[in-house]
Structures are given as structure tokens and as C-alpha cells.
Amino acid sequence: CRDAREQASELMGYVRELTIIGLMDEKPMMIWASHYLSAMAKALMDDAELGMAR
């Protein structure tokens, strides 16, 4: 569970960076990449929560 949280945190850091780059440099592909990575981070956290419930 802790590993999943660490990985999700790292992904969210990338999401933040990509979002800022996408907005500042007007690069919509970076925004879409950040959207995809945020979904991956959410999936990691959801899986970790399910694992803890068992």
C-alpha cells in the first residue's frame, strides 16, 4: 500500500509539471498527458484502498 501511494505521489508530481508546461507553453498534448497520468495515479490509489480493505 505504501509503495502504491509513493508511486501515485510521483505520478501526481509529473501531472503538476506537465500541466504547468502545457498551460504556459500552450501545448495541449502535455495537458492530455497529465490527464492520462492522473487517471493512472487514481487507479493506483483505488487498488491500494481495495487491498487494504481485504
PDB file of N, CA and C in Angstrom:
ATOM      1  N   CYS A   1       0.822  -1.197   0.000  1.00  0.00           N
ATOM      2  CA  CYS A   1       0.000   0.000   0.000  1.00  0.00           C
ATOM      3  C   CYS A   1       0.870   1.267   0.000  1.00  0.00           C
ATOM      4  N   ARG A   2       1.929   1.231   0.813  1.00  0.00           N
ATOM      5  CA  ARG A   2       2.808   2.405   0.881  1.00  0.00           C
ATOM      6  C   ARG A   2       3.495   2.626  -0.468  1.00  0.00           C
ATOM      7  N   ASP A   3       3.901   1.521  -1.117  1.00  0.00           N
ATOM      8  CA  ASP A   3       4.542   1.644  -2.430  1.00  0.00           C
ATOM      9  C   ASP A   3       3.591   2.269  -3.449  1.00  0.00           C
ATOM     10  N   ALA A   4       2.340   1.853  -3.408  1.00  0.00           N
ATOM     11  CA  ALA A   4       1.349   2.412  -4.337  1.00  0.00           C
ATOM     12  C   ALA A   4       1.171   3.906  -4.098  1.00  0.00           C
ATOM     13  N   ARG A   5       1.135   4.304  -2.826  1.00  0.00           N
ATOM     14  CA  ARG A   5       0.991   5.733  -2.516  1.00  0.00           C
ATOM     15  C   ARG A   5       2.200   6.520  -2.994  1.00  0.00           C
ATOM     16  N   GLU A   6       3.395   5.949  -2.827  1.00  0.00           N
ATOM     17  CA  GLU A   6       4.609   6.632  -3.290  1.00  0.00           C
ATOM     18  C   GLU A   6       4.586   6.796  -4.802  1.00  0.00           C
ATOM     19  N   GLN A   7       4.186   5.735  -5.501  1.00  0.00           N
ATOM     20  CA  GLN A   7       4.118   5.804  -6.959  1.00  0.00           C
ATOM     21  C   GLN A   7       3.059   6.813  -7.411  1.00  0.00           C
ATOM     22  N   ALA A   8       1.913   6.802  -6.757  1.00  0.00           N
ATOM     23  CA  ALA A   8       0.853   7.757  -7.105  1.00  0.00           C
ATOM     24  C   ALA A   8       1.319   9.187  -6.858  1.00  0.00           C
ATOM     25  N   SER A   9       2.046   9.388  -5.773  1.00  0.00           N
ATOM     26  CA  SER A   9       2.568  10.720  -5.471  1.00  0.00           C
ATOM     27  C   SER A   9       3.550  11.174  -6.544  1.00  0.00           C
ATOM     28  N   GLU A  10       4.396  10.266  -6.981  1.00  0.00           N
ATOM     29  CA  GLU A  10       5.353  10.603  -8.044  1.00  0.00           C
ATOM     30  C   GLU A  10       4.615  10.943  -9.338  1.00  0.00           C
ATOM     31  N   LEU A  11       3.610  10.148  -9.676  1.00  0.00           N
ATOM     32  CA  LEU A  11       2.820  10.437 -10.875  1.00  0.00           C
ATOM     33  C   LEU A  11       2.146  11.802 -10.777  1.00  0.00           C
ATOM     34  N   MET A  12       1.620  12.135  -9.605  1.00  0.00           N
ATOM     35  CA  MET A  12       0.960  13.430  -9.440  1.00  0.00           C
ATOM     36  C   MET A  12       1.952  14.589  -9.560  1.00  0.00           C
ATOM     37  N   GLY A  13       3.196  14.357  -9.179  1.00  0.00           N
ATOM     38  CA  GLY A  13       4.224  15.371  -9.402  1.00  0.00           C
ATOM     39  C   GLY A  13       4.433  15.625 -10.886  1.00  0.00           C
ATOM     40  N   TYR A  14       4.447  14.534 -11.663  1.00  0.00           N
ATOM     41  CA  TYR A  14       4.572  14.681 -13.114  1.00  0.00           C
ATOM     42  C   TYR A  14       3.342  15.367 -13.692  1.00  0.00           C
ATOM     43  N   VAL A  15       2.177  15.030 -13.165  1.00  0.00           N
ATOM     44  CA  VAL A  15       0.935  15.668 -13.615  1.00  0.00           C
ATOM     45  C   VAL A  15       1.035  17.179 -13.433  1.00  0.00           C
ATOM     46  N   ARG A  16       1.500  17.584 -12.270  1.00  0.00           N
ATOM     47  CA  ARG A  16       1.640  19.016 -11.976  1.00  0.00           C
ATOM     48  C   ARG A  16       2.584  19.686 -12.975  1.00  0.00           C
ATOM     49  N   GLU A  17       3.750  19.068 -13.198  1.00  0.00           N
ATOM     50  CA  GLU A  17       4.731  19.647 -14.123  1.00  0.00           C
ATOM     51  C   GLU A  17       4.183  19.730 -15.538  1.00  0.00           C
ATOM     52  N   LEU A  18       3.565  18.641 -16.006  1.00  0.00           N
ATOM     53  CA  LEU A  18       3.034  18.631 -17.368  1.00  0.00           C
ATOM     54  C   LEU A  18       1.910  19.647 -17.544  1.00  0.00           C
ATOM     55  N   THR A  19       1.093  19.805 -16.524  1.00  0.00           N
ATOM     56  CA  THR A  19       0.004  20.781 -16.597  1.00  0.00           C
ATOM     57  C   THR A  19       0.552  22.195 -16.718  1.00  0.00           C
ATOM     58  N   ILE A  20       1.542  22.511 -15.904  1.00  0.00           N
ATOM     59  CA  ILE A  20       2.143  23.852 -15.962  1.00  0.00           C
ATOM     60  C   ILE A  20       2.790  24.090 -17.320  1.00  0.00           C
ATOM     61  N   ILE A  21       3.553  23.124 -17.806  1.00  0.00           N
ATOM     62  CA  ILE A  21       4.192  23.260 -19.122  1.00  0.00           C
ATOM     63  C   ILE A  21       3.135  23.434 -20.204  1.00  0.00           C
ATOM     64  N   GLY A  22       2.101  22.600 -20.150  1.00  0.00           N
ATOM     65  CA  GLY A  22       1.042  22.680 -21.154  1.00  0.00           C
ATOM     66  C   GLY A  22       0.351  24.026 -21.174  1.00  0.00           C
ATOM     67  N   LEU A  23       0.109  24.580 -19.999  1.00  0.00           N
ATOM     68  CA  LEU A  23      -0.567  25.883 -19.926  1.00  0.00           C
ATOM     69  C   LEU A  23       0.347  27.029 -20.331  1.00  0.00           C
ATOM     70  N   MET A  24       1.564  27.022 -19.819  1.00  0.00           N
ATOM     71  CA  MET A  24       2.484  28.133 -20.076  1.00  0.00           C
ATOM     72  C   MET A  24       2.965  28.167 -21.528  1.00  0.00           C
ATOM     73  N   ASP A  25       3.211  26.995 -22.098  1.00  0.00           N
ATOM     74  CA  ASP A  25       3.738  26.923 -23.460  1.00  0.00           C
ATOM     75  C   ASP A  25       2.657  26.648 -24.504  1.00  0.00           C
ATOM     76  N   GLU A  26       1.397  26.640 -24.065  1.00  0.00           N
ATOM     77  CA  GLU A  26       0.271  26.361 -24.956  1.00  0.00           C
ATOM     78  C   GLU A  26       0.484  25.061 -25.731  1.00  0.00           C
ATOM     79  N   LYS A  27       0.725  23.990 -24.977  1.00  0.00           N
ATOM     80  CA  LYS A  27       0.928  22.666 -25.570  1.00  0.00           C
ATOM     81  C   LYS A  27      -0.155  21.723 -25.052  1.00  0.00           C
ATOM     82  N   PRO A  28      -1.248  21.614 -25.791  1.00  0.00           N
ATOM     83  CA  PRO A  28      -2.363  20.793 -25.322  1.00  0.00           C
ATOM     84  C   PRO A  28      -2.014  19.316 -25.136  1.00  0.00           C
ATOM     85  N   MET A  29      -1.025  18.817 -25.875  1.00  0.00           N
ATOM     86  CA  MET A  29      -0.642  17.408 -25.699  1.00  0.00           C
ATOM     87  C   MET A  29      -0.116  17.155 -24.290  1.00  0.00           C
ATOM     88  N   MET A  30       0.524  18.145 -23.689  1.00  0.00           N
ATOM     89  CA  MET A  30       1.017  17.995 -22.318  1.00  0.00           C
ATOM     90  C   MET A  30      -0.149  17.912 -21.338  1.00  0.00           C
ATOM     91  N   ILE A  31      -1.205  18.665 -21.624  1.00  0.00           N
ATOM     92  CA  ILE A  31      -2.394  18.621 -20.773  1.00  0.00           C
ATOM     93  C   ILE A  31      -3.029  17.235 -20.853  1.00  0.00           C
ATOM     94  N   TRP A  32      -3.121  16.687 -22.063  1.00  0.00           N
ATOM     95  CA  TRP A  32      -3.691  15.346 -22.212  1.00  0.00           C
ATOM     96  C   TRP A  32      -2.819  14.300 -21.533  1.00  0.00           C
ATOM     97  N   ALA A  33      -1.511  14.455 -21.615  1.00  0.00           N
ATOM     98  CA  ALA A  33      -0.609  13.522 -20.936  1.00  0.00           C
ATOM     99  C   ALA A  33      -0.816  13.589 -19.425  1.00  0.00           C
ATOM    100  N   SER A  34      -0.984  14.784 -18.900  1.00  0.00           N
ATOM    101  CA  SER A  34      -1.208  14.923 -17.458  1.00  0.00           C
ATOM    102  C   SER A  34      -2.550  14.306 -17.059  1.00  0.00           C
ATOM    103  N   HIS A  35      -3.539  14.433 -17.907  1.00  0.00           N
ATOM    104  CA  HIS A  35      -4.850  13.824 -17.647  1.00  0.00           C
ATOM    105  C   HIS A  35      -4.713  12.300 -17.566  1.00  0.00           C
ATOM    106  N   TYR A  36      -3.978  11.724 -18.491  1.00  0.00           N
ATOM    107  CA  TYR A  36      -3.751  10.278 -18.518  1.00  0.00           C
ATOM    108  C   TYR A  36      -3.008   9.825 -17.260  1.00  0.00           C
ATOM    109  N   LEU A  37      -1.957  10.542 -16.887  1.00  0.00           N
ATOM    110  CA  LEU A  37      -1.181  10.174 -15.700  1.00  0.00           C
ATOM    111  C   LEU A  37      -1.998  10.320 -14.423  1.00  0.00           C
ATOM    112  N   SER A  38      -2.867  11.307 -14.372  1.00  0.00           N
ATOM    113  CA  SER A  38      -3.701  11.460 -13.173  1.00  0.00           C
ATOM    114  C   SER A  38      -4.671  10.284 -13.044  1.00  0.00           C
ATOM    115  N   ALA A  39      -5.156   9.766 -14.164  1.00  0.00           N
ATOM    116  CA  ALA A  39      -6.017   8.577 -14.122  1.00  0.00           C
ATOM    117  C   ALA A  39      -5.233   7.364 -13.628  1.00  0.00           C
ATOM    118  N   MET A  40      -3.973   7.257 -14.031  1.00  0.00           N
ATOM    119  CA  MET A  40      -3.132   6.161 -13.546  1.00  0.00           C
ATOM    120  C   MET A  40      -2.912   6.271 -12.044  1.00  0.00           C
ATOM    121  N   ALA A  41      -2.667   7.478 -11.554  1.00  0.00           N
ATOM    122  CA  ALA A  41      -2.464   7.690 -10.118  1.00  0.00           C
ATOM    123  C   ALA A  41      -3.729   7.326  -9.347  1.00  0.00           C
ATOM    124  N   LYS A  42      -4.882   7.690  -9.881  1.00  0.00           N
ATOM    125  CA  LYS A  42      -6.142   7.353  -9.221  1.00  0.00           C
ATOM    126  C   LYS A  42      -6.332   5.844  -9.180  1.00  0.00           C
ATOM    127  N   ALA A  43      -6.029   5.169 -10.273  1.00  0.00           N
ATOM    128  CA  ALA A  43      -6.163   3.710 -10.306  1.00  0.00           C
ATOM    129  C   ALA A  43      -5.251   3.052  -9.269  1.00  0.00           C
ATOM    130  N   LEU A  44      -4.038   3.562  -9.124  1.00  0.00           N
ATOM    131  CA  LEU A  44      -3.128   3.030  -8.104  1.00  0.00           C
ATOM    132  C   LEU A  44      -3.712   3.185  -6.711  1.00  0.00           C
ATOM    133  N   MET A  45      -4.236   4.358  -6.422  1.00  0.00           N
ATOM    134  CA  MET A  45      -4.804   4.607  -5.098  1.00  0.00           C
ATOM    135  C   MET A  45      -6.061   3.770  -4.861  1.00  0.00           C
ATOM    136  N   ASP A  46      -6.882   3.617  -5.882  1.00  0.00           N
ATOM    137  CA  ASP A  46      -8.080   2.782  -5.752  1.00  0.00           C
ATOM    138  C   ASP A  46      -7.701   1.335  -5.464  1.00  0.00           C
ATOM    139  N   ASP A  47      -6.703   0.815  -6.182  1.00  0.00           N
ATOM    140  CA  ASP A  47      -6.229  -0.551  -5.951  1.00  0.00           C
ATOM    141  C   ASP A  47      -5.665  -0.711  -4.547  1.00  0.00           C
ATOM    142  N   ALA A  48      -4.901   0.265  -4.099  1.00  0.00           N
ATOM    143  CA  ALA A  48      -4.323   0.203  -2.754  1.00  0.00           C
ATOM    144  C   ALA A  48      -5.426   0.180  -1.704  1.00  0.00           C
ATOM    145  N   GLU A  49      -6.461   0.968  -1.916  1.00  0.00           N
ATOM    146  CA  GLU A  49      -7.574   1.001  -0.967  1.00  0.00           C
ATOM    147  C   GLU A  49      -8.301  -0.341  -0.932  1.00  0.00           C
ATOM    148  N   LEU A  50      -8.503  -0.936  -2.106  1.00  0.00           N
ATOM    149  CA  LEU A  50      -9.141  -2.253  -2.152  1.00  0.00           C
ATOM    150  C   LEU A  50      -8.285  -3.298  -1.445  1.00  0.00           C
ATOM    151  N   GLY A  51      -6.977  -3.213  -1.638  1.00  0.00           N
ATOM    152  CA  GLY A  51      -6.069  -4.154  -0.983  1.00  0.00           C
ATOM    153  C   GLY A  51      -6.100  -4.027   0.529  1.00  0.00           C
ATOM    154  N   MET A  52      -6.250  -2.814   1.023  1.00  0.00           N
ATOM    155  CA  MET A  52      -6.294  -2.604   2.469  1.00  0.00           C
ATOM    156  C   MET A  52      -7.612  -3.097   3.062  1.00  0.00           C
ATOM    157  N   ALA A  53      -8.678  -3.079   2.265  1.00  0.00           N
ATOM    158  CA  ALA A  53      -9.990  -3.492   2.749  1.00  0.00           C
ATOM    159  C   ALA A  53     -10.089  -5.009   2.905  1.00  0.00           C
ATOM    160  N   ARG A  54      -9.209  -5.742   2.259  1.00  0.00           N
ATOM    161  CA  ARG A  54      -9.269  -7.217   2.314  1.00  0.00           C
ATOM    162  C   ARG A  54      -8.605  -7.748   3.527  1.00  0.00           C
TER     163      ARG A  54
END
